[in-house]
Amino acid sequence: MSLTQADVKKVSLLARLDLSDQELQTMTAQLTKIVGFVEQLAELDTEEVEPMAGALGVANVFRDDVVRPSVAREEMLANAPHHDEEFFLVPPVLGE
């Protein structure tokens, strides 16, 4: 498929790019090559290829979730400017 300068001008307007005549010619040639490469890829038989989200395998990089002791509630509440025996007390955000 060959792109025309009108096609590239329409795309440039959608992308809000103000291309000069020289840039329009250059972009038309470059985008025509890119579309040609995509057409070549469409010729490949991908029936046996499993779809994937990316070119590299994805691995979980998070550490295991392990239960361990936490700070005691009394110790935590001792650092709060306002609290009752169980919770931090904060001013209301949405009104009373």
N, C-alpha and C. Protein backbone atom coordinates (compact mmCIF):
# COMPACT_ATOMS: atom_id res chain seq x y z
N MET A 1 0.85 -1.17 0.00
CA MET A 1 0.00 0.00 0.00
C MET A 1 0.89 1.24 0.00
N SER A 2 0.58 2.15 -0.83
CA SER A 2 1.34 3.38 -0.93
C SER A 2 0.51 4.52 -0.33
N LEU A 3 1.14 5.29 0.51
CA LEU A 3 0.45 6.43 1.10
C LEU A 3 0.64 7.66 0.22
N THR A 4 -0.37 8.48 0.17
CA THR A 4 -0.26 9.74 -0.56
C THR A 4 0.07 10.86 0.42
N GLN A 5 0.48 11.98 -0.13
CA GLN A 5 0.75 13.13 0.73
C GLN A 5 -0.52 13.59 1.43
N ALA A 6 -1.65 13.40 0.80
CA ALA A 6 -2.92 13.77 1.44
C ALA A 6 -3.18 12.91 2.68
N ASP A 7 -2.83 11.60 2.58
CA ASP A 7 -2.99 10.71 3.74
C ASP A 7 -2.11 11.18 4.89
N VAL A 8 -0.86 11.48 4.57
CA VAL A 8 0.09 11.89 5.61
C VAL A 8 -0.31 13.26 6.18
N LYS A 9 -0.81 14.14 5.34
CA LYS A 9 -1.26 15.45 5.82
C LYS A 9 -2.43 15.28 6.78
N LYS A 10 -3.36 14.37 6.48
CA LYS A 10 -4.49 14.13 7.37
C LYS A 10 -4.02 13.58 8.71
N VAL A 11 -3.07 12.64 8.68
CA VAL A 11 -2.52 12.09 9.92
C VAL A 11 -1.79 13.17 10.70
N SER A 12 -1.05 14.03 10.02
CA SER A 12 -0.33 15.10 10.72
C SER A 12 -1.31 16.07 11.37
N LEU A 13 -2.44 16.34 10.71
CA LEU A 13 -3.43 17.21 11.33
C LEU A 13 -4.05 16.56 12.57
N LEU A 14 -4.30 15.25 12.49
CA LEU A 14 -4.85 14.54 13.66
C LEU A 14 -3.85 14.54 14.82
N ALA A 15 -2.56 14.49 14.47
CA ALA A 15 -1.52 14.50 15.49
C ALA A 15 -1.13 15.92 15.89
N ARG A 16 -1.81 16.91 15.29
CA ARG A 16 -1.56 18.32 15.56
C ARG A 16 -0.11 18.71 15.25
N LEU A 17 0.38 18.21 14.11
CA LEU A 17 1.72 18.55 13.64
C LEU A 17 1.59 19.48 12.44
N ASP A 18 2.38 20.52 12.43
CA ASP A 18 2.40 21.45 11.31
C ASP A 18 3.65 21.15 10.50
N LEU A 19 3.50 20.34 9.45
CA LEU A 19 4.63 19.92 8.64
C LEU A 19 4.82 20.85 7.45
N SER A 20 6.09 21.16 7.17
CA SER A 20 6.39 21.92 5.96
C SER A 20 6.25 20.99 4.76
N ASP A 21 6.33 21.55 3.55
CA ASP A 21 6.23 20.72 2.34
C ASP A 21 7.36 19.69 2.28
N GLN A 22 8.57 20.12 2.66
CA GLN A 22 9.72 19.19 2.66
C GLN A 22 9.50 18.08 3.69
N GLU A 23 9.04 18.43 4.88
CA GLU A 23 8.76 17.42 5.92
C GLU A 23 7.65 16.48 5.48
N LEU A 24 6.66 17.01 4.78
CA LEU A 24 5.56 16.20 4.30
C LEU A 24 6.05 15.16 3.30
N GLN A 25 6.94 15.56 2.40
CA GLN A 25 7.52 14.60 1.44
C GLN A 25 8.34 13.54 2.16
N THR A 26 9.16 13.97 3.10
CA THR A 26 9.99 13.02 3.86
C THR A 26 9.14 12.04 4.64
N MET A 27 8.14 12.55 5.33
CA MET A 27 7.27 11.69 6.14
C MET A 27 6.46 10.74 5.27
N THR A 28 6.05 11.18 4.09
CA THR A 28 5.30 10.31 3.19
C THR A 28 6.16 9.12 2.78
N ALA A 29 7.40 9.38 2.43
CA ALA A 29 8.31 8.29 2.05
C ALA A 29 8.57 7.35 3.22
N GLN A 30 8.82 7.91 4.39
CA GLN A 30 9.13 7.09 5.56
C GLN A 30 7.92 6.27 6.00
N LEU A 31 6.75 6.87 6.04
CA LEU A 31 5.56 6.13 6.46
C LEU A 31 5.16 5.06 5.45
N THR A 32 5.41 5.32 4.16
CA THR A 32 5.15 4.30 3.15
C THR A 32 6.02 3.08 3.38
N LYS A 33 7.29 3.30 3.74
CA LYS A 33 8.19 2.18 4.05
C LYS A 33 7.69 1.41 5.28
N ILE A 34 7.26 2.14 6.30
CA ILE A 34 6.78 1.49 7.53
C ILE A 34 5.55 0.64 7.24
N VAL A 35 4.61 1.17 6.47
CA VAL A 35 3.42 0.41 6.10
C VAL A 35 3.81 -0.82 5.30
N GLY A 36 4.81 -0.69 4.44
CA GLY A 36 5.30 -1.84 3.67
C GLY A 36 5.85 -2.93 4.58
N PHE A 37 6.59 -2.55 5.62
CA PHE A 37 7.11 -3.53 6.57
C PHE A 37 5.98 -4.23 7.32
N VAL A 38 4.95 -3.49 7.68
CA VAL A 38 3.80 -4.08 8.36
C VAL A 38 3.09 -5.06 7.43
N GLU A 39 2.98 -4.72 6.16
CA GLU A 39 2.36 -5.63 5.19
C GLU A 39 3.17 -6.92 5.06
N GLN A 40 4.51 -6.81 5.14
CA GLN A 40 5.34 -8.01 5.11
C GLN A 40 5.05 -8.90 6.32
N LEU A 41 4.86 -8.30 7.47
CA LEU A 41 4.56 -9.07 8.67
C LEU A 41 3.22 -9.78 8.55
N ALA A 42 2.27 -9.18 7.84
CA ALA A 42 0.95 -9.78 7.67
C ALA A 42 1.02 -11.05 6.83
N GLU A 43 2.10 -11.22 6.06
CA GLU A 43 2.26 -12.41 5.23
C GLU A 43 2.71 -13.63 6.03
N LEU A 44 3.18 -13.43 7.25
CA LEU A 44 3.67 -14.53 8.06
C LEU A 44 2.53 -15.41 8.55
N ASP A 45 2.81 -16.72 8.64
CA ASP A 45 1.83 -17.65 9.19
C ASP A 45 1.99 -17.67 10.71
N THR A 46 0.99 -17.17 11.41
CA THR A 46 1.05 -17.09 12.87
C THR A 46 0.03 -18.00 13.55
N GLU A 47 -0.44 -19.01 12.84
CA GLU A 47 -1.44 -19.92 13.40
C GLU A 47 -0.95 -20.62 14.65
N GLU A 48 0.30 -21.03 14.66
CA GLU A 48 0.85 -21.81 15.79
C GLU A 48 1.51 -20.92 16.85
N VAL A 49 1.47 -19.60 16.66
CA VAL A 49 2.13 -18.68 17.60
C VAL A 49 1.12 -18.24 18.64
N GLU A 50 1.49 -18.44 19.89
CA GLU A 50 0.61 -18.06 20.99
C GLU A 50 0.68 -16.54 21.21
N PRO A 51 -0.47 -15.88 21.38
CA PRO A 51 -0.44 -14.43 21.61
C PRO A 51 0.30 -14.10 22.90
N MET A 52 0.98 -12.95 22.89
CA MET A 52 1.71 -12.54 24.09
C MET A 52 1.60 -11.03 24.27
N ALA A 53 1.79 -10.60 25.49
CA ALA A 53 1.66 -9.17 25.80
C ALA A 53 2.94 -8.41 25.51
N GLY A 54 4.06 -9.10 25.49
CA GLY A 54 5.34 -8.44 25.24
C GLY A 54 6.35 -9.42 24.71
N ALA A 55 7.50 -8.91 24.29
CA ALA A 55 8.52 -9.76 23.70
C ALA A 55 9.29 -10.56 24.76
N LEU A 56 9.30 -10.08 25.98
CA LEU A 56 10.04 -10.75 27.05
C LEU A 56 9.07 -11.41 28.02
N GLY A 57 9.53 -12.48 28.64
CA GLY A 57 8.71 -13.13 29.65
C GLY A 57 8.56 -12.24 30.87
N VAL A 58 7.42 -12.34 31.52
CA VAL A 58 7.15 -11.51 32.69
C VAL A 58 7.34 -12.37 33.93
N ALA A 59 8.09 -11.85 34.89
CA ALA A 59 8.32 -12.57 36.14
C ALA A 59 7.93 -11.66 37.30
N ASN A 60 7.41 -12.25 38.35
CA ASN A 60 7.05 -11.50 39.53
C ASN A 60 8.32 -11.04 40.25
N VAL A 61 8.45 -9.75 40.47
CA VAL A 61 9.64 -9.22 41.12
C VAL A 61 9.40 -8.87 42.57
N PHE A 62 8.21 -9.17 43.08
CA PHE A 62 7.90 -8.86 44.47
C PHE A 62 8.32 -10.01 45.38
N ARG A 63 8.68 -9.66 46.59
CA ARG A 63 9.08 -10.68 47.55
C ARG A 63 7.83 -11.42 48.04
N ASP A 64 8.04 -12.57 48.63
CA ASP A 64 6.93 -13.34 49.17
C ASP A 64 6.29 -12.58 50.33
N ASP A 65 5.00 -12.74 50.47
CA ASP A 65 4.25 -12.10 51.53
C ASP A 65 4.37 -12.96 52.78
N VAL A 66 5.14 -12.48 53.75
CA VAL A 66 5.42 -13.26 54.95
C VAL A 66 4.85 -12.52 56.15
N VAL A 67 4.14 -13.24 57.00
CA VAL A 67 3.59 -12.66 58.22
C VAL A 67 4.73 -12.50 59.21
N ARG A 68 4.83 -11.31 59.80
CA ARG A 68 5.86 -11.05 60.80
C ARG A 68 5.32 -10.05 61.82
N PRO A 69 5.95 -9.94 62.95
CA PRO A 69 5.45 -9.04 63.99
C PRO A 69 5.44 -7.59 63.52
N SER A 70 4.45 -6.85 64.01
CA SER A 70 4.32 -5.44 63.67
C SER A 70 4.55 -4.60 64.92
N VAL A 71 4.43 -3.29 64.76
CA VAL A 71 4.57 -2.40 65.90
C VAL A 71 3.32 -2.51 66.76
N ALA A 72 3.49 -2.50 68.03
CA ALA A 72 2.35 -2.60 68.95
C ALA A 72 1.46 -1.37 68.80
N ARG A 73 0.15 -1.59 68.94
CA ARG A 73 -0.83 -0.52 68.76
C ARG A 73 -0.56 0.63 69.73
N GLU A 74 -0.26 0.32 70.99
CA GLU A 74 -0.02 1.37 71.98
C GLU A 74 1.18 2.22 71.59
N GLU A 75 2.21 1.57 71.09
CA GLU A 75 3.42 2.29 70.67
C GLU A 75 3.13 3.20 69.46
N MET A 76 2.33 2.71 68.55
CA MET A 76 1.98 3.49 67.37
C MET A 76 1.11 4.69 67.75
N LEU A 77 0.09 4.47 68.59
CA LEU A 77 -0.81 5.55 69.00
C LEU A 77 -0.10 6.58 69.87
N ALA A 78 0.98 6.20 70.52
CA ALA A 78 1.72 7.14 71.35
C ALA A 78 2.34 8.25 70.51
N ASN A 79 2.56 8.01 69.22
CA ASN A 79 3.15 9.02 68.34
C ASN A 79 2.11 9.92 67.68
N ALA A 80 0.84 9.61 67.84
CA ALA A 80 -0.22 10.38 67.18
C ALA A 80 -0.61 11.56 68.05
N PRO A 81 -0.85 12.74 67.44
CA PRO A 81 -1.26 13.89 68.25
C PRO A 81 -2.66 13.71 68.84
N HIS A 82 -3.55 13.01 68.12
CA HIS A 82 -4.91 12.78 68.61
C HIS A 82 -5.28 11.33 68.35
N HIS A 83 -5.76 10.68 69.40
CA HIS A 83 -6.17 9.28 69.25
C HIS A 83 -7.08 8.91 70.41
N ASP A 84 -7.84 7.82 70.18
CA ASP A 84 -8.56 7.24 71.30
C ASP A 84 -7.79 5.96 71.63
N GLU A 85 -8.40 5.02 72.26
CA GLU A 85 -7.67 3.81 72.66
C GLU A 85 -7.41 2.85 71.50
N GLU A 86 -8.09 3.06 70.34
CA GLU A 86 -7.94 2.13 69.23
C GLU A 86 -7.45 2.76 67.94
N PHE A 87 -7.85 4.02 67.66
CA PHE A 87 -7.64 4.59 66.33
C PHE A 87 -6.99 5.97 66.40
N PHE A 88 -6.40 6.37 65.26
CA PHE A 88 -5.97 7.75 65.07
C PHE A 88 -7.22 8.60 64.88
N LEU A 89 -7.22 9.79 65.44
CA LEU A 89 -8.33 10.71 65.25
C LEU A 89 -7.87 11.82 64.33
N VAL A 90 -8.62 12.05 63.27
CA VAL A 90 -8.29 13.08 62.29
C VAL A 90 -9.50 13.95 62.06
N PRO A 91 -9.29 15.20 61.58
CA PRO A 91 -10.44 16.06 61.31
C PRO A 91 -11.29 15.49 60.18
N PRO A 92 -12.58 15.74 60.22
CA PRO A 92 -13.44 15.24 59.13
C PRO A 92 -13.07 15.94 57.83
N VAL A 93 -13.12 15.19 56.75
CA VAL A 93 -12.77 15.73 55.43
C VAL A 93 -14.01 16.20 54.70
N LEU A 94 -15.11 15.47 54.83
CA LEU A 94 -16.32 15.77 54.07
C LEU A 94 -17.38 16.47 54.93
N GLY A 95 -17.03 16.95 56.05
CA GLY A 95 -18.00 17.60 56.92
C GLY A 95 -18.25 16.78 58.15
N GLU A 96 -19.21 17.18 58.93
CA GLU A 96 -19.47 16.52 60.20
C GLU A 96 -20.34 15.33 60.07
